[in-house]
Each structure stands twice: as C-alpha cells, then as structure tokens.
Amino acid sequence: MTSPGQNQQVFRTLLAAFSRPGMVRAFPLGITDSLRGVLACLVDARSSVYLWGGGDETLRQWLRQQGIPYQPSLPAEFVVCNWRDWSWQALASLPIGSEEAPEEGATLILCNVPNGPGSEYVLEGPGVQGRLRSSLPLPPEFLDAWQKLQSQYPRGVDVLLVRAEECIALPRSTHVAAPMLRRLHVVCSQ
C-alpha cells in the first residue's frame, strides 16, 4: 500500500510522464506495487475501470476495498491490462471520445511491461522538444494501431506503460513514427 505522501509522489511522477511523452519516469522509492499506486492516484469511486481479460482476483478485491467499481465490459475510462495479455489490434476497440468530448477517450494502463530496450521510435508533439528518438518497449504492430488512432485526433487513447519501478506515458497527442533509415552514399572514384 501507499501512504498519502507516496501517492503525491506517484501523482507527480505521472504528471511528469504525461508532460514529457516517451521519457522513462521512476516511481518514488518505497512503492511496492506500482499499478496500485497508479490506480490510487488516477481513479476514484466515480471512475469506470475495465480489467482486460478479467484481471486477477487480488486486483479486483483491492478495487472493491477502495470503492472503485470495475466494469464487466467496455466502455470504461480506464482499461487495465497485463502486458502479456494485450494485443495492439485491440486498441481500436477502446473508447476514443468524440469531437465534442475527446476527454472521454480511455486511458490504457499496461502493467508488467518487460524490461529491455524495445524498438526505436521518433516522437513529436506537445511535451516533446522538436523530435525525440526513444527506445520504447513496444512491438512493431503498435505503430500501425497508434497511427490509425492518430488520424482521428483529438479523439484517441492515452497509454501508460507501467513497470515495477517506472512508467512511460504516450498521450493521444503524441505523434509516433518509425525512424527514417539513413542511407549511406558511397562515392566511387574512377
């Protein structure tokens, strides 16, 4: 569990993550369950939470203890999924809001994201100075799903990747692309 002071620190971490997309942000020391810390900061009794794949019983029980209702199906404001159970093709099935109310788009919280370098992407948009080359723990199929949603901006989905000690945020306003390969030009003299 987290204390009120830890909740404030986790909240500041989330603010920093969403304000600087694609940058790894460390959770404060002493957080033993980063997913619960994130949920304690983002959701309340008025929020709707959907546990993709049903979630585990421990998490469902914790949500009940906090007075946070979880939905048996979509739509929901927050969608929580274990990394290994997620398919990027499913991104299109999440609520994206409307032109009049884009804030009604879901926040996808992927937990237990594996450590490792991932793939390199180029990020642009609010919170990114110029263009940012970033190694994100996202598979190649992420890019196609993300770009399809980007075409509907300002509607869309915010994504939060959660590991044990850190998180990475991708707000719906972030443009993500594959890096351009630099071609080597070899000049041969005769």
Protein backbone atom coordinates (compact mmCIF):
# COMPACT_ATOMS: atom_id res chain seq x y z
CA MET A 1 0.00 0.00 0.00
CA THR A 2 1.00 3.58 -0.46
CA SER A 3 0.87 6.41 2.05
CA PRO A 4 -0.65 9.83 1.22
CA GLY A 5 2.88 11.20 0.80
CA GLN A 6 3.76 8.39 -1.62
CA ASN A 7 0.51 8.99 -3.52
CA GLN A 8 1.56 12.61 -4.04
CA GLN A 9 4.96 11.47 -5.30
CA VAL A 10 3.38 8.93 -7.67
CA PHE A 11 0.99 11.61 -8.92
CA ARG A 12 3.95 13.95 -9.62
CA THR A 13 5.66 11.08 -11.47
CA LEU A 14 2.55 10.57 -13.62
CA LEU A 15 2.32 14.31 -14.35
CA ALA A 16 5.97 14.32 -15.41
CA ALA A 17 5.44 11.23 -17.58
CA PHE A 18 2.41 12.66 -19.41
CA SER A 19 4.02 16.07 -19.82
CA ARG A 20 7.18 14.53 -21.38
CA PRO A 21 5.96 11.65 -23.57
CA GLY A 22 8.28 8.74 -24.23
CA MET A 23 10.59 9.54 -21.32
CA VAL A 24 11.08 6.95 -18.58
CA ARG A 25 9.96 8.27 -15.18
CA ALA A 26 10.97 6.46 -11.98
CA PHE A 27 8.44 5.92 -9.22
CA PRO A 28 9.46 7.04 -5.74
CA LEU A 29 11.39 4.61 -3.58
CA GLY A 30 9.23 2.51 -1.31
CA ILE A 31 6.41 1.89 -3.78
CA THR A 32 5.86 -1.84 -3.57
CA ASP A 33 3.02 -2.11 -6.10
CA SER A 34 3.32 0.44 -8.88
CA LEU A 35 0.00 -0.49 -10.52
CA ARG A 36 -1.95 0.07 -7.31
CA GLY A 37 -0.04 3.30 -6.74
CA VAL A 38 -1.04 4.49 -10.22
CA LEU A 39 -4.67 3.46 -9.75
CA ALA A 40 -4.83 5.12 -6.31
CA CYS A 41 -3.83 8.39 -8.00
CA LEU A 42 -5.97 8.23 -11.12
CA VAL A 43 -9.25 6.54 -10.24
CA ASP A 44 -11.96 7.06 -7.63
CA ALA A 45 -15.48 5.83 -6.92
CA ARG A 46 -16.83 7.83 -9.90
CA SER A 47 -14.35 6.28 -12.35
CA SER A 48 -15.03 3.29 -14.52
CA VAL A 49 -12.32 0.65 -14.72
CA TYR A 50 -12.29 -2.32 -17.06
CA LEU A 51 -9.90 -5.19 -16.31
CA TRP A 52 -8.92 -6.58 -19.72
CA GLY A 53 -9.02 -10.35 -19.58
CA GLY A 54 -10.76 -10.18 -16.19
CA GLY A 55 -7.68 -9.13 -14.22
CA ASP A 56 -6.65 -11.12 -11.22
CA GLU A 57 -8.73 -11.67 -8.09
CA THR A 58 -6.29 -9.73 -5.89
CA LEU A 59 -6.69 -6.61 -8.03
CA ARG A 60 -10.49 -6.97 -8.20
CA GLN A 61 -10.59 -7.29 -4.41
CA TRP A 62 -8.35 -4.22 -3.96
CA LEU A 63 -10.61 -2.18 -6.27
CA ARG A 64 -13.66 -3.26 -4.22
CA GLN A 65 -11.90 -2.27 -0.99
CA GLN A 66 -11.14 1.16 -2.45
CA GLY A 67 -14.77 1.60 -3.52
CA ILE A 68 -13.76 1.68 -7.19
CA PRO A 69 -16.24 -0.05 -9.46
CA TYR A 70 -14.91 -2.14 -12.30
CA GLN A 71 -16.90 -2.67 -15.44
CA PRO A 72 -17.74 -6.13 -16.75
CA SER A 73 -17.25 -4.78 -20.30
CA LEU A 74 -16.25 -1.70 -22.29
CA PRO A 75 -16.69 1.27 -22.42
CA ALA A 76 -14.63 2.41 -19.46
CA GLU A 77 -12.46 5.43 -18.65
CA PHE A 78 -9.53 3.25 -17.58
CA VAL A 79 -8.55 -0.06 -19.11
CA VAL A 80 -6.03 -2.12 -17.13
CA CYS A 81 -4.27 -5.00 -18.82
CA ASN A 82 -1.30 -7.21 -18.17
CA TRP A 83 1.29 -6.72 -20.91
CA ARG A 84 1.33 -10.39 -21.94
CA ASP A 85 -2.47 -10.38 -22.45
CA TRP A 86 -2.62 -7.28 -24.68
CA SER A 87 -2.88 -7.20 -28.47
CA TRP A 88 -2.30 -3.86 -30.21
CA GLN A 89 -5.05 -4.65 -32.71
CA ALA A 90 -7.46 -4.26 -29.76
CA LEU A 91 -6.53 -0.58 -29.39
CA ALA A 92 -9.24 0.29 -31.91
CA SER A 93 -11.89 -1.30 -29.65
CA LEU A 94 -11.26 1.15 -26.78
CA PRO A 95 -13.36 4.29 -26.28
CA ILE A 96 -11.81 7.27 -28.10
CA GLY A 97 -14.26 10.01 -27.12
CA SER A 98 -15.94 12.29 -29.64
CA GLU A 99 -15.13 15.54 -31.40
CA GLU A 100 -17.16 17.35 -28.74
CA ALA A 101 -15.74 15.37 -25.80
CA PRO A 102 -12.34 13.86 -26.68
CA GLU A 103 -11.54 13.59 -22.97
CA GLU A 104 -13.93 10.65 -22.88
CA GLY A 105 -11.28 8.55 -24.61
CA ALA A 106 -9.90 5.75 -22.44
CA THR A 107 -6.57 5.58 -20.66
CA LEU A 108 -4.93 2.22 -21.29
CA ILE A 109 -2.71 1.15 -18.39
CA LEU A 110 -0.44 -1.72 -19.38
CA CYS A 111 1.23 -3.32 -16.37
CA ASN A 112 4.15 -5.72 -16.04
CA VAL A 113 5.80 -4.22 -19.12
CA PRO A 114 9.03 -6.17 -19.70
CA ASN A 115 12.40 -4.56 -19.20
CA GLY A 116 14.59 -4.23 -22.21
CA PRO A 117 15.39 -1.79 -24.95
CA GLY A 118 12.39 -2.33 -27.21
CA SER A 119 12.16 -0.67 -30.61
CA GLU A 120 13.28 2.78 -31.60
CA TYR A 121 10.62 5.35 -32.45
CA VAL A 122 10.54 9.06 -33.22
CA LEU A 123 8.12 11.11 -31.12
CA GLU A 124 6.74 14.59 -31.83
CA GLY A 125 4.01 16.70 -30.30
CA PRO A 126 3.19 18.56 -27.10
CA GLY A 127 5.81 17.99 -24.42
CA VAL A 128 8.44 16.87 -26.94
CA GLN A 129 11.09 19.40 -27.85
CA GLY A 130 11.49 19.02 -31.59
CA ARG A 131 11.80 15.33 -32.36
CA LEU A 132 12.70 12.72 -29.77
CA ARG A 133 14.27 9.40 -30.70
CA SER A 134 13.23 6.99 -27.99
CA SER A 135 13.59 3.27 -27.42
CA LEU A 136 10.16 2.13 -26.26
CA PRO A 137 9.17 -1.36 -25.10
CA LEU A 138 6.61 -1.61 -27.89
CA PRO A 139 6.36 -4.22 -30.65
CA PRO A 140 6.23 -3.22 -34.35
CA GLU A 141 2.44 -3.76 -34.53
CA PHE A 142 1.99 -0.91 -32.04
CA LEU A 143 2.93 1.66 -34.67
CA ASP A 144 0.17 0.77 -37.14
CA ALA A 145 -2.51 0.71 -34.40
CA TRP A 146 -1.30 4.04 -32.95
CA GLN A 147 -1.16 5.80 -36.31
CA LYS A 148 -4.71 4.68 -37.16
CA LEU A 149 -5.91 6.32 -33.93
CA GLN A 150 -3.79 9.42 -34.57
CA SER A 151 -5.76 10.06 -37.76
CA GLN A 152 -8.82 10.66 -35.54
CA TYR A 153 -7.16 13.18 -33.19
CA PRO A 154 -8.27 14.85 -30.88
CA ARG A 155 -10.14 11.63 -30.22
CA GLY A 156 -7.95 8.80 -29.06
CA VAL A 157 -6.48 6.79 -26.21
CA ASP A 158 -3.77 7.73 -23.71
CA VAL A 159 -1.33 4.92 -22.94
CA LEU A 160 0.62 4.38 -19.72
CA LEU A 161 3.28 1.65 -19.67
CA VAL A 162 3.95 0.55 -16.08
CA ARG A 163 6.93 -1.43 -14.84
CA ALA A 164 7.81 -2.23 -11.24
CA GLU A 165 9.90 0.92 -10.70
CA GLU A 166 8.99 3.20 -13.61
CA CYS A 167 6.47 4.30 -16.19
CA ILE A 168 6.33 5.77 -19.70
CA ALA A 169 3.35 7.76 -20.97
CA LEU A 170 2.10 8.29 -24.50
CA PRO A 171 -0.72 10.83 -24.55
CA ARG A 172 -3.05 10.72 -27.55
CA SER A 173 -1.49 13.98 -28.81
CA THR A 174 1.91 12.31 -29.35
CA HIS A 175 2.85 11.51 -32.93
CA VAL A 176 4.90 8.32 -33.13
CA ALA A 177 6.79 7.18 -36.21
CA ALA A 178 9.49 4.74 -37.18
CA PRO A 179 12.89 6.39 -37.56
CA MET A 180 14.00 7.17 -41.07
CA LEU A 181 16.88 4.99 -42.11
CA ARG A 182 19.86 6.98 -43.19
CA ARG A 183 21.25 5.81 -46.45
CA LEU A 184 24.93 5.64 -46.94
CA HIS A 185 26.11 7.10 -50.19
CA VAL A 186 29.36 5.66 -51.36
CA VAL A 187 31.18 7.70 -53.90
CA CYS A 188 33.50 5.67 -56.03
CA SER A 189 36.27 7.43 -57.86
CA GLN A 190 37.38 6.06 -61.15
